[in-house]
Amino acid sequence: MVDCPFVFRPPGKDAFLFYTGRSTKSNLWGIGLAYSRDLIHWMKYPGNPVISSKHQGVLNHNIDAVAWLSYHNNDYLFFEAVEKHVNGLMKHWVNCCPYSLQRIAGSVYRKLYRSLSKTSSQVIQHAKGRAIGIAISRNKIHWQFETSNPVFAVGHKHSWDSCGVFSPCVLKFGEQFFLFYGGSDGKKVRTGLAVSRDLFSWRRNSEPILQPGCQGGWDESSALIVSILPLEDSYVAFYEGQNRFNEYGIGLAFSQDLIKWEKYIDNPILTKGSEEGYDSKVVNSPHVFMDSGQVYLFYGAKDLKKKGRCLMARLAL
């Protein structure tokens, strides 16, 4: 798969795209880099992945969902990942076992986990045990993991984000950095907010800023802000929603202070497509990008074979 696109364009240069990649022949997750002049035709960096589970660090397993930020002549990538707790003979067996058998074992484990936890939500399973880390670079290709990773971890035992924090979205407003993230308590996924002045020490809001919808709604299990676009006098967030049947959609929410958000009344704005399409199974991970007055929405999609791709939609003017 390729998924979770994050697009930016330095002034006067080609656009960059960071994305999550995963192979069908190994259990390696990684972050890839691609370039484009027109935002439609993309060329992958031949040395991909630029970040992967092979990097040394505590938080380096199943790396996913990056957010890029430039600050003080450095490039920062915020990412979500889990620590790999496999030791001794089990670790040796897992590493030596053919990946086809690893996939079968993983499928059995996920089914067992769903039956024991009484949840079938894919996003809640994905969030379990996840934390947020930082990698630093000066050229967008060679990355060094921050030694203090994770820089943002789960909340206290009974909090709404006690089971996992993931999908970082980092923006700078004034002298402060704002981290929007998904938080799971094992039952629902909500969006939280934390604030920092140095990118490493974060003060989180005690309550989530975006809640899942009502029972039976398209976003009843998860409401996850992935991308935010500043307007002249407010902000619009693009968020990923999921219902009880693991069906995804993309919606909008509006705010004037980044804390109180109001969902768009006609959500979702984007849902899965026809059975023949690249997006016939899932649409998720929306990333909004404005270039030369045009608004682009990059997002992840999966077909009926669960093969993931990055797609793009343009706002009709």
C-alpha atoms as a PDB file:
ATOM      1  CA  MET A   1       0.000   0.000   0.000  1.00  0.00           C
ATOM      2  CA  VAL A   2       0.803   3.682  -0.199  1.00  0.00           C
ATOM      3  CA  ASP A   3      -1.249   5.796   2.178  1.00  0.00           C
ATOM      4  CA  CYS A   4      -1.446   8.902   4.388  1.00  0.00           C
ATOM      5  CA  PRO A   5      -0.154  11.523   1.900  1.00  0.00           C
ATOM      6  CA  PHE A   6       1.358  14.764   3.240  1.00  0.00           C
ATOM      7  CA  VAL A   7       2.082  17.430   0.595  1.00  0.00           C
ATOM      8  CA  PHE A   8       4.025  20.697   0.771  1.00  0.00           C
ATOM      9  CA  ARG A   9       5.835  22.995  -1.659  1.00  0.00           C
ATOM     10  CA  PRO A  10       8.807  25.191  -0.641  1.00  0.00           C
ATOM     11  CA  PRO A  11       8.674  28.629  -2.326  1.00  0.00           C
ATOM     12  CA  GLY A  12       9.765  28.389  -5.956  1.00  0.00           C
ATOM     13  CA  LYS A  13      10.498  24.665  -5.832  1.00  0.00           C
ATOM     14  CA  ASP A  14       8.893  21.344  -6.741  1.00  0.00           C
ATOM     15  CA  ALA A  15       6.271  19.901  -4.420  1.00  0.00           C
ATOM     16  CA  PHE A  16       7.182  17.141  -1.983  1.00  0.00           C
ATOM     17  CA  LEU A  17       4.981  14.274  -0.838  1.00  0.00           C
ATOM     18  CA  PHE A  18       5.662  12.067   2.168  1.00  0.00           C
ATOM     19  CA  TYR A  19       3.634   8.870   2.339  1.00  0.00           C
ATOM     20  CA  THR A  20       3.353   5.611   4.250  1.00  0.00           C
ATOM     21  CA  GLY A  21       4.328   2.468   2.379  1.00  0.00           C
ATOM     22  CA  ARG A  22       4.034  -1.198   3.191  1.00  0.00           C
ATOM     23  CA  SER A  23       5.178  -4.291   1.296  1.00  0.00           C
ATOM     24  CA  THR A  24       3.285  -7.520   0.656  1.00  0.00           C
ATOM     25  CA  LYS A  25       6.562  -9.452   0.901  1.00  0.00           C
ATOM     26  CA  SER A  26       7.771  -8.260   4.309  1.00  0.00           C
ATOM     27  CA  ASN A  27       6.504  -6.703   7.508  1.00  0.00           C
ATOM     28  CA  LEU A  28       8.439  -3.508   6.828  1.00  0.00           C
ATOM     29  CA  TRP A  29       6.528  -0.246   7.172  1.00  0.00           C
ATOM     30  CA  GLY A  30       8.247   2.897   5.940  1.00  0.00           C
ATOM     31  CA  ILE A  31       7.913   6.516   4.911  1.00  0.00           C
ATOM     32  CA  GLY A  32       8.577   7.349   1.281  1.00  0.00           C
ATOM     33  CA  LEU A  33       9.270  10.621  -0.517  1.00  0.00           C
ATOM     34  CA  ALA A  34       8.063  11.763  -3.942  1.00  0.00           C
ATOM     35  CA  TYR A  35       8.453  14.906  -6.065  1.00  0.00           C
ATOM     36  CA  SER A  36       6.170  16.718  -8.504  1.00  0.00           C
ATOM     37  CA  ARG A  37       5.953  19.956 -10.474  1.00  0.00           C
ATOM     38  CA  ASP A  38       2.232  19.826 -11.213  1.00  0.00           C
ATOM     39  CA  LEU A  39       0.869  17.883  -8.164  1.00  0.00           C
ATOM     40  CA  ILE A  40      -0.491  15.201 -10.510  1.00  0.00           C
ATOM     41  CA  HIS A  41       2.572  13.369 -11.822  1.00  0.00           C
ATOM     42  CA  TRP A  42       4.854  12.178  -9.026  1.00  0.00           C
ATOM     43  CA  MET A  43       8.326  10.646  -9.086  1.00  0.00           C
ATOM     44  CA  LYS A  44       9.365   8.511  -6.121  1.00  0.00           C
ATOM     45  CA  TYR A  45      12.769   9.085  -4.568  1.00  0.00           C
ATOM     46  CA  PRO A  46      14.877   6.059  -5.686  1.00  0.00           C
ATOM     47  CA  GLY A  47      16.344   5.599  -2.210  1.00  0.00           C
ATOM     48  CA  ASN A  48      12.968   5.071  -0.504  1.00  0.00           C
ATOM     49  CA  PRO A  49      12.054   4.506   2.229  1.00  0.00           C
ATOM     50  CA  VAL A  50      13.654   7.537   3.880  1.00  0.00           C
ATOM     51  CA  ILE A  51      12.412   6.292   7.272  1.00  0.00           C
ATOM     52  CA  SER A  52      11.634   2.699   8.184  1.00  0.00           C
ATOM     53  CA  SER A  53      11.553   0.188  11.007  1.00  0.00           C
ATOM     54  CA  LYS A  54      15.246  -0.463  10.288  1.00  0.00           C
ATOM     55  CA  HIS A  55      16.115   2.899  11.846  1.00  0.00           C
ATOM     56  CA  GLN A  56      17.554   2.586  15.322  1.00  0.00           C
ATOM     57  CA  GLY A  57      15.291   3.851  18.058  1.00  0.00           C
ATOM     58  CA  VAL A  58      12.833   2.891  20.750  1.00  0.00           C
ATOM     59  CA  LEU A  59       9.796   3.953  18.743  1.00  0.00           C
ATOM     60  CA  ASN A  60      10.403   2.439  15.309  1.00  0.00           C
ATOM     61  CA  HIS A  61       7.889  -0.337  14.601  1.00  0.00           C
ATOM     62  CA  ASN A  62       4.992   0.038  12.102  1.00  0.00           C
ATOM     63  CA  ILE A  63       5.828   3.690  11.394  1.00  0.00           C
ATOM     64  CA  ASP A  64       2.871   5.542   9.893  1.00  0.00           C
ATOM     65  CA  ALA A  65       1.106   8.877   9.282  1.00  0.00           C
ATOM     66  CA  VAL A  66       3.738  11.614   9.141  1.00  0.00           C
ATOM     67  CA  ALA A  67       3.386  15.374   9.448  1.00  0.00           C
ATOM     68  CA  TRP A  68       6.174  17.630   8.143  1.00  0.00           C
ATOM     69  CA  LEU A  69       7.277  20.944   9.620  1.00  0.00           C
ATOM     70  CA  SER A  70      10.200  23.278   8.863  1.00  0.00           C
ATOM     71  CA  TYR A  71      11.638  25.172  11.829  1.00  0.00           C
ATOM     72  CA  HIS A  72      15.025  26.838  12.421  1.00  0.00           C
ATOM     73  CA  ASN A  73      16.496  25.431   9.182  1.00  0.00           C
ATOM     74  CA  ASN A  74      15.614  21.875  10.160  1.00  0.00           C
ATOM     75  CA  ASP A  75      12.991  19.525   8.738  1.00  0.00           C
ATOM     76  CA  TYR A  76      10.872  17.756  11.343  1.00  0.00           C
ATOM     77  CA  LEU A  77       8.752  14.691  10.699  1.00  0.00           C
ATOM     78  CA  PHE A  78       6.211  13.772  13.342  1.00  0.00           C
ATOM     79  CA  PHE A  79       5.140  10.153  13.038  1.00  0.00           C
ATOM     80  CA  GLU A  80       3.176   7.500  14.866  1.00  0.00           C
ATOM     81  CA  ALA A  81       4.634   4.105  15.739  1.00  0.00           C
ATOM     82  CA  VAL A  82       4.674   1.362  18.352  1.00  0.00           C
ATOM     83  CA  GLU A  83       7.435  -0.211  20.371  1.00  0.00           C
ATOM     84  CA  LYS A  84       8.072  -3.813  19.366  1.00  0.00           C
ATOM     85  CA  HIS A  85       7.711  -6.007  22.429  1.00  0.00           C
ATOM     86  CA  VAL A  86       8.901  -9.339  21.044  1.00  0.00           C
ATOM     87  CA  ASN A  87      11.791 -10.991  22.874  1.00  0.00           C
ATOM     88  CA  GLY A  88      13.837 -14.181  23.115  1.00  0.00           C
ATOM     89  CA  LEU A  89      12.744 -17.259  21.171  1.00  0.00           C
ATOM     90  CA  MET A  90       9.517 -15.602  20.024  1.00  0.00           C
ATOM     91  CA  LYS A  91      11.461 -12.755  18.388  1.00  0.00           C
ATOM     92  CA  HIS A  92      13.764 -15.258  16.670  1.00  0.00           C
ATOM     93  CA  TRP A  93      10.804 -17.296  15.403  1.00  0.00           C
ATOM     94  CA  VAL A  94       8.983 -14.239  14.082  1.00  0.00           C
ATOM     95  CA  ASN A  95      12.053 -12.947  12.247  1.00  0.00           C
ATOM     96  CA  CYS A  96      12.862 -16.332  10.689  1.00  0.00           C
ATOM     97  CA  CYS A  97       9.317 -17.295   9.774  1.00  0.00           C
ATOM     98  CA  PRO A  98       8.298 -16.633   6.114  1.00  0.00           C
ATOM     99  CA  TYR A  99       6.248 -13.483   5.841  1.00  0.00           C
ATOM    100  CA  SER A 100       3.295 -15.383   4.362  1.00  0.00           C
ATOM    101  CA  LEU A 101       3.033 -17.298   7.668  1.00  0.00           C
ATOM    102  CA  GLN A 102       3.565 -14.089   9.647  1.00  0.00           C
ATOM    103  CA  ARG A 103       0.555 -12.598   7.866  1.00  0.00           C
ATOM    104  CA  ILE A 104      -1.603 -15.614   8.686  1.00  0.00           C
ATOM    105  CA  ALA A 105      -0.502 -15.497  12.330  1.00  0.00           C
ATOM    106  CA  GLY A 106      -1.217 -11.775  12.408  1.00  0.00           C
ATOM    107  CA  SER A 107      -4.690 -12.306  10.977  1.00  0.00           C
ATOM    108  CA  VAL A 108      -5.456 -14.972  13.582  1.00  0.00           C
ATOM    109  CA  TYR A 109      -4.181 -12.655  16.335  1.00  0.00           C
ATOM    110  CA  ARG A 110      -6.365  -9.751  15.145  1.00  0.00           C
ATOM    111  CA  LYS A 111      -9.465 -11.965  15.014  1.00  0.00           C
ATOM    112  CA  LEU A 112      -8.721 -13.268  18.506  1.00  0.00           C
ATOM    113  CA  TYR A 113      -8.143  -9.732  19.763  1.00  0.00           C
ATOM    114  CA  ARG A 114     -11.457  -8.547  18.282  1.00  0.00           C
ATOM    115  CA  SER A 115     -13.358 -11.433  19.900  1.00  0.00           C
ATOM    116  CA  LEU A 116     -11.782 -10.870  23.321  1.00  0.00           C
ATOM    117  CA  SER A 117     -12.007  -7.083  23.291  1.00  0.00           C
ATOM    118  CA  LYS A 118     -15.554  -7.077  21.891  1.00  0.00           C
ATOM    119  CA  THR A 119     -14.620  -4.523  19.244  1.00  0.00           C
ATOM    120  CA  SER A 120     -14.284  -4.895  15.494  1.00  0.00           C
ATOM    121  CA  SER A 121     -13.189  -1.303  14.866  1.00  0.00           C
ATOM    122  CA  GLN A 122     -10.119  -1.205  12.645  1.00  0.00           C
ATOM    123  CA  VAL A 123      -9.066   2.251  13.792  1.00  0.00           C
ATOM    124  CA  ILE A 124      -9.222   1.257  17.485  1.00  0.00           C
ATOM    125  CA  GLN A 125      -7.100  -1.818  16.793  1.00  0.00           C
ATOM    126  CA  HIS A 126      -4.657   0.337  14.852  1.00  0.00           C
ATOM    127  CA  ALA A 127      -4.385   2.898  17.667  1.00  0.00           C
ATOM    128  CA  LYS A 128      -3.561   0.390  20.396  1.00  0.00           C
ATOM    129  CA  GLY A 129      -0.126   1.040  21.899  1.00  0.00           C
ATOM    130  CA  ARG A 130       0.772   3.830  19.506  1.00  0.00           C
ATOM    131  CA  ALA A 131       2.733   6.962  20.415  1.00  0.00           C
ATOM    132  CA  ILE A 132       4.144   9.950  18.529  1.00  0.00           C
ATOM    133  CA  GLY A 133       7.811  10.556  17.764  1.00  0.00           C
ATOM    134  CA  ILE A 134      10.023  12.996  15.878  1.00  0.00           C
ATOM    135  CA  ALA A 135      12.726  12.569  13.244  1.00  0.00           C
ATOM    136  CA  ILE A 136      15.005  15.470  12.226  1.00  0.00           C
ATOM    137  CA  SER A 137      16.755  16.216   8.935  1.00  0.00           C
ATOM    138  CA  ARG A 138      18.435  19.006   6.974  1.00  0.00           C
ATOM    139  CA  ASN A 139      17.793  17.597   3.502  1.00  0.00           C
ATOM    140  CA  LYS A 140      14.494  15.670   3.769  1.00  0.00           C
ATOM    141  CA  ILE A 141      16.310  12.422   2.921  1.00  0.00           C
ATOM    142  CA  HIS A 142      18.588  11.503   5.824  1.00  0.00           C
ATOM    143  CA  TRP A 143      16.703  11.426   9.114  1.00  0.00           C
ATOM    144  CA  GLN A 144      17.793  11.073  12.722  1.00  0.00           C
ATOM    145  CA  PHE A 145      15.359   9.836  15.353  1.00  0.00           C
ATOM    146  CA  GLU A 146      15.024  12.084  18.404  1.00  0.00           C
ATOM    147  CA  THR A 147      16.587  10.348  21.400  1.00  0.00           C
ATOM    148  CA  SER A 148      13.714  11.370  23.678  1.00  0.00           C
ATOM    149  CA  ASN A 149      11.088   9.540  21.549  1.00  0.00           C
ATOM    150  CA  PRO A 150       8.247   9.230  22.074  1.00  0.00           C
ATOM    151  CA  VAL A 151       7.772  12.965  22.502  1.00  0.00           C
ATOM    152  CA  PHE A 152       4.034  12.450  23.033  1.00  0.00           C
ATOM    153  CA  ALA A 153       2.550   9.350  24.661  1.00  0.00           C
ATOM    154  CA  VAL A 154      -0.766   8.080  26.001  1.00  0.00           C
ATOM    155  CA  GLY A 155      -2.653   9.839  28.773  1.00  0.00           C
ATOM    156  CA  HIS A 156      -3.300   8.541  32.268  1.00  0.00           C
ATOM    157  CA  LYS A 157      -4.962   5.180  32.884  1.00  0.00           C
ATOM    158  CA  HIS A 158      -8.594   6.291  32.788  1.00  0.00           C
ATOM    159  CA  SER A 159      -8.286   9.099  30.237  1.00  0.00           C
ATOM    160  CA  TRP A 160      -9.943   9.260  26.812  1.00  0.00           C
ATOM    161  CA  ASP A 161      -6.496   8.749  25.167  1.00  0.00           C
ATOM    162  CA  SER A 162      -5.196   6.002  27.470  1.00  0.00           C
ATOM    163  CA  CYS A 163      -4.845   3.228  24.839  1.00  0.00           C
ATOM    164  CA  GLY A 164      -3.018   5.019  22.045  1.00  0.00           C
ATOM    165  CA  VAL A 165      -2.179   8.395  20.477  1.00  0.00           C
ATOM    166  CA  PHE A 166      -1.592   8.622  16.731  1.00  0.00           C
ATOM    167  CA  SER A 167      -2.014  10.505  13.430  1.00  0.00           C
ATOM    168  CA  PRO A 168      -0.208  13.764  14.312  1.00  0.00           C
ATOM    169  CA  CYS A 169      -1.076  17.057  12.610  1.00  0.00           C
ATOM    170  CA  VAL A 170       1.340  19.836  13.642  1.00  0.00           C
ATOM    171  CA  LEU A 171       0.907  23.541  12.856  1.00  0.00           C
ATOM    172  CA  LYS A 172       2.590  26.741  14.042  1.00  0.00           C
ATOM    173  CA  PHE A 173       0.464  29.747  14.952  1.00  0.00           C
ATOM    174  CA  GLY A 174       2.271  32.727  16.447  1.00  0.00           C
ATOM    175  CA  GLU A 175       4.918  31.517  18.880  1.00  0.00           C
ATOM    176  CA  GLN A 176       3.212  28.211  19.642  1.00  0.00           C
ATOM    177  CA  PHE A 177       2.962  24.820  17.982  1.00  0.00           C
ATOM    178  CA  PHE A 178      -0.349  22.981  17.944  1.00  0.00           C
ATOM    179  CA  LEU A 179      -0.468  19.183  17.840  1.00  0.00           C
ATOM    180  CA  PHE A 180      -3.776  17.671  16.767  1.00  0.00           C
ATOM    181  CA  TYR A 181      -3.870  13.924  17.302  1.00  0.00           C
ATOM    182  CA  GLY A 182      -6.116  10.892  17.550  1.00  0.00           C
ATOM    183  CA  GLY A 183      -6.659   9.420  20.988  1.00  0.00           C
ATOM    184  CA  SER A 184      -8.228   6.050  21.815  1.00  0.00           C
ATOM    185  CA  ASP A 185      -9.638   4.653  25.046  1.00  0.00           C
ATOM    186  CA  GLY A 186     -10.269   1.263  23.433  1.00  0.00           C
ATOM    187  CA  LYS A 187     -13.881   2.136  22.614  1.00  0.00           C
ATOM    188  CA  LYS A 188     -13.853   5.365  20.593  1.00  0.00           C
ATOM    189  CA  VAL A 189     -11.344   7.551  18.779  1.00  0.00           C
ATOM    190  CA  ARG A 190     -11.476  11.290  19.381  1.00  0.00           C
ATOM    191  CA  THR A 191      -9.310  14.236  18.344  1.00  0.00           C
ATOM    192  CA  GLY A 192      -7.160  15.920  20.968  1.00  0.00           C
ATOM    193  CA  LEU A 193      -5.010  19.027  21.095  1.00  0.00           C
ATOM    194  CA  ALA A 194      -1.643  19.739  22.721  1.00  0.00           C
ATOM    195  CA  VAL A 195       0.436  22.938  22.663  1.00  0.00           C
ATOM    196  CA  SER A 196       4.207  23.476  22.775  1.00  0.00           C
ATOM    197  CA  ARG A 197       6.832  26.200  22.357  1.00  0.00           C
ATOM    198  CA  ASP A 198       9.745  23.898  21.497  1.00  0.00           C
ATOM    199  CA  LEU A 199       8.210  20.868  19.683  1.00  0.00           C
ATOM    200  CA  PHE A 200       9.332  18.493  22.445  1.00  0.00           C
ATOM    201  CA  SER A 201       7.429  19.441  25.634  1.00  0.00           C
ATOM    202  CA  TRP A 202       3.672  19.307  25.089  1.00  0.00           C
ATOM    203  CA  ARG A 203       0.793  20.480  27.283  1.00  0.00           C
ATOM    204  CA  ARG A 204      -2.374  18.624  26.343  1.00  0.00           C
ATOM    205  CA  ASN A 205      -5.988  19.705  26.698  1.00  0.00           C
ATOM    206  CA  SER A 206      -7.699  17.516  29.245  1.00  0.00           C
ATOM    207  CA  GLU A 207     -10.741  17.037  26.991  1.00  0.00           C
ATOM    208  CA  PRO A 208     -10.948  16.128  23.289  1.00  0.00           C
ATOM    209  CA  ILE A 209     -11.787  18.886  20.815  1.00  0.00           C
ATOM    210  CA  LEU A 210     -13.735  16.702  18.349  1.00  0.00           C
ATOM    211  CA  GLN A 211     -16.043  13.882  19.375  1.00  0.00           C
ATOM    212  CA  PRO A 212     -17.469  10.955  17.347  1.00  0.00           C
ATOM    213  CA  GLY A 213     -21.011  11.353  16.089  1.00  0.00           C
ATOM    214  CA  CYS A 214     -24.255   9.912  17.381  1.00  0.00           C
ATOM    215  CA  GLN A 215     -25.117   6.219  17.305  1.00  0.00           C
ATOM    216  CA  GLY A 216     -25.766   5.067  13.757  1.00  0.00           C
ATOM    217  CA  GLY A 217     -23.892   8.007  12.269  1.00  0.00           C
ATOM    218  CA  TRP A 218     -21.130   7.827   9.669  1.00  0.00           C
ATOM    219  CA  ASP A 219     -18.555   8.900  12.290  1.00  0.00           C
ATOM    220  CA  GLU A 220     -19.950   7.134  15.363  1.00  0.00           C
ATOM    221  CA  SER A 221     -16.717   5.217  16.132  1.00  0.00           C
ATOM    222  CA  SER A 222     -14.049   7.727  15.191  1.00  0.00           C
ATOM    223  CA  ALA A 223     -13.644  11.446  14.466  1.00  0.00           C
ATOM    224  CA  LEU A 224      -9.998  12.131  13.644  1.00  0.00           C
ATOM    225  CA  ILE A 225      -8.761  15.521  12.428  1.00  0.00           C
ATOM    226  CA  VAL A 226      -5.971  14.892   9.943  1.00  0.00           C
ATOM    227  CA  SER A 227      -5.461  18.265   8.249  1.00  0.00           C
ATOM    228  CA  ILE A 228      -6.344  21.928   8.893  1.00  0.00           C
ATOM    229  CA  LEU A 229      -6.573  24.831   6.429  1.00  0.00           C
ATOM    230  CA  PRO A 230      -6.450  28.404   7.831  1.00  0.00           C
ATOM    231  CA  LEU A 231      -9.026  30.747   6.293  1.00  0.00           C
ATOM    232  CA  GLU A 232      -9.198  34.553   6.567  1.00  0.00           C
ATOM    233  CA  ASP A 233     -11.168  34.562   9.814  1.00  0.00           C
ATOM    234  CA  SER A 234     -11.448  30.896  10.845  1.00  0.00           C
ATOM    235  CA  TYR A 235     -10.133  27.378  10.277  1.00  0.00           C
ATOM    236  CA  VAL A 236     -11.499  24.364   8.458  1.00  0.00           C
ATOM    237  CA  ALA A 237     -10.481  20.848   9.488  1.00  0.00           C
ATOM    238  CA  PHE A 238     -10.663  17.775   7.278  1.00  0.00           C
ATOM    239  CA  TYR A 239     -11.337  14.736   9.417  1.00  0.00           C
ATOM    240  CA  GLU A 240     -11.623  11.006   8.952  1.00  0.00           C
ATOM    241  CA  GLY A 241     -14.732   9.324  10.331  1.00  0.00           C
ATOM    242  CA  GLN A 242     -15.611   5.663  10.803  1.00  0.00           C
ATOM    243  CA  ASN A 243     -18.874   3.921  11.649  1.00  0.00           C
ATOM    244  CA  ARG A 244     -19.533   0.602  13.416  1.00  0.00           C
ATOM    245  CA  PHE A 245     -19.228  -1.319  10.134  1.00  0.00           C
ATOM    246  CA  ASN A 246     -15.650  -0.079   9.481  1.00  0.00           C
ATOM    247  CA  GLU A 247     -16.857   2.194   6.701  1.00  0.00           C
ATOM    248  CA  TYR A 248     -14.832   5.376   6.362  1.00  0.00           C
ATOM    249  CA  GLY A 249     -15.683   8.853   5.171  1.00  0.00           C
ATOM    250  CA  ILE A 250     -14.154  12.325   5.120  1.00  0.00           C
ATOM    251  CA  GLY A 251     -15.868  15.301   6.724  1.00  0.00           C
ATOM    252  CA  LEU A 252     -15.361  18.972   7.550  1.00  0.00           C
ATOM    253  CA  ALA A 253     -15.413  20.925  10.807  1.00  0.00           C
ATOM    254  CA  PHE A 254     -15.023  24.677  11.396  1.00  0.00           C
ATOM    255  CA  SER A 255     -13.496  26.675  14.239  1.00  0.00           C
ATOM    256  CA  GLN A 256     -12.456  30.208  15.132  1.00  0.00           C
ATOM    257  CA  ASP A 257     -10.116  29.308  18.002  1.00  0.00           C
ATOM    258  CA  LEU A 258      -8.818  25.770  17.157  1.00  0.00           C
ATOM    259  CA  ILE A 259     -10.502  24.424  20.294  1.00  0.00           C
ATOM    260  CA  LYS A 260     -14.262  24.582  19.683  1.00  0.00           C
ATOM    261  CA  TRP A 261     -15.211  22.847  16.447  1.00  0.00           C
ATOM    262  CA  GLU A 262     -18.543  22.623  14.638  1.00  0.00           C
ATOM    263  CA  LYS A 263     -19.106  19.827  12.137  1.00  0.00           C
ATOM    264  CA  TYR A 264     -20.353  20.663   8.652  1.00  0.00           C
ATOM    265  CA  ILE A 265     -24.053  19.853   8.433  1.00  0.00           C
ATOM    266  CA  ASP A 266     -23.775  17.982   5.115  1.00  0.00           C
ATOM    267  CA  ASN A 267     -20.937  15.636   6.136  1.00  0.00           C
ATOM    268  CA  PRO A 268     -19.427  13.436   4.847  1.00  0.00           C
ATOM    269  CA  ILE A 269     -18.050  15.295   1.827  1.00  0.00           C
ATOM    270  CA  LEU A 270     -16.288  12.205   0.456  1.00  0.00           C
ATOM    271  CA  THR A 271     -17.099   8.490   0.737  1.00  0.00           C
ATOM    272  CA  LYS A 272     -15.975   5.298  -0.963  1.00  0.00           C
ATOM    273  CA  GLY A 273     -16.520   5.007  -4.709  1.00  0.00           C
ATOM    274  CA  SER A 274     -17.846   2.392  -7.097  1.00  0.00           C
ATOM    275  CA  GLU A 275     -16.848  -1.279  -6.997  1.00  0.00           C
ATOM    276  CA  GLU A 276     -14.481  -0.782  -9.943  1.00  0.00           C
ATOM    277  CA  GLY A 277     -12.654   2.197  -8.445  1.00  0.00           C
ATOM    278  CA  TYR A 278      -9.397   2.609  -6.569  1.00  0.00           C
ATOM    279  CA  ASP A 279     -11.484   3.861  -3.622  1.00  0.00           C
ATOM    280  CA  SER A 280     -14.128   1.116  -3.661  1.00  0.00           C
ATOM    281  CA  LYS A 281     -13.302  -0.047  -0.099  1.00  0.00           C
ATOM    282  CA  VAL A 282     -11.911   2.879   1.931  1.00  0.00           C
ATOM    283  CA  VAL A 283     -11.230   6.626   1.778  1.00  0.00           C
ATOM    284  CA  ASN A 284      -9.209   8.013   4.671  1.00  0.00           C
ATOM    285  CA  SER A 285      -6.305  10.229   5.814  1.00  0.00           C
ATOM    286  CA  PRO A 286      -7.331  13.525   4.141  1.00  0.00           C
ATOM    287  CA  HIS A 287      -4.609  16.131   3.641  1.00  0.00           C
ATOM    288  CA  VAL A 288      -5.651  19.533   2.275  1.00  0.00           C
ATOM    289  CA  PHE A 289      -3.166  21.629   0.323  1.00  0.00           C
ATOM    290  CA  MET A 290      -3.566  25.054  -1.319  1.00  0.00           C
ATOM    291  CA  ASP A 291      -1.424  25.977  -4.308  1.00  0.00           C
ATOM    292  CA  SER A 292      -1.850  29.016  -6.600  1.00  0.00           C
ATOM    293  CA  GLY A 293      -5.370  29.617  -5.310  1.00  0.00           C
ATOM    294  CA  GLN A 294      -6.515  26.034  -5.952  1.00  0.00           C
ATOM    295  CA  VAL A 295      -7.523  23.739  -3.085  1.00  0.00           C
ATOM    296  CA  TYR A 296      -6.383  20.124  -3.397  1.00  0.00           C
ATOM    297  CA  LEU A 297      -7.461  17.243  -1.206  1.00  0.00           C
ATOM    298  CA  PHE A 298      -4.996  14.351  -1.099  1.00  0.00           C
ATOM    299  CA  TYR A 299      -6.224  11.203   0.618  1.00  0.00           C
ATOM    300  CA  GLY A 300      -5.634   7.504   1.053  1.00  0.00           C
ATOM    301  CA  ALA A 301      -7.843   4.931  -0.637  1.00  0.00           C
ATOM    302  CA  LYS A 302      -8.177   1.149  -0.850  1.00  0.00           C
ATOM    303  CA  ASP A 303      -9.907  -1.024  -3.413  1.00  0.00           C
ATOM    304  CA  LEU A 304     -11.805  -4.249  -2.800  1.00  0.00           C
ATOM    305  CA  LYS A 305      -8.507  -6.154  -2.677  1.00  0.00           C
ATOM    306  CA  LYS A 306      -7.382  -3.739   0.082  1.00  0.00           C
ATOM    307  CA  LYS A 307      -4.560  -2.383  -2.051  1.00  0.00           C
ATOM    308  CA  GLY A 308      -3.821   1.154  -0.912  1.00  0.00           C
ATOM    309  CA  ARG A 309      -3.137   4.185  -3.105  1.00  0.00           C
ATOM    310  CA  CYS A 310      -2.964   7.965  -2.742  1.00  0.00           C
ATOM    311  CA  LEU A 311      -5.649   9.880  -4.632  1.00  0.00           C
ATOM    312  CA  MET A 312      -6.388  13.560  -5.171  1.00  0.00           C
ATOM    313  CA  ALA A 313      -9.503  15.701  -5.589  1.00  0.00           C
ATOM    314  CA  ARG A 314      -9.717  19.383  -6.509  1.00  0.00           C
ATOM    315  CA  LEU A 315     -12.251  21.833  -5.182  1.00  0.00           C
ATOM    316  CA  ALA A 316     -14.738  22.730  -7.903  1.00  0.00           C
ATOM    317  CA  LEU A 317     -14.753  26.549  -8.263  1.00  0.00           C
END
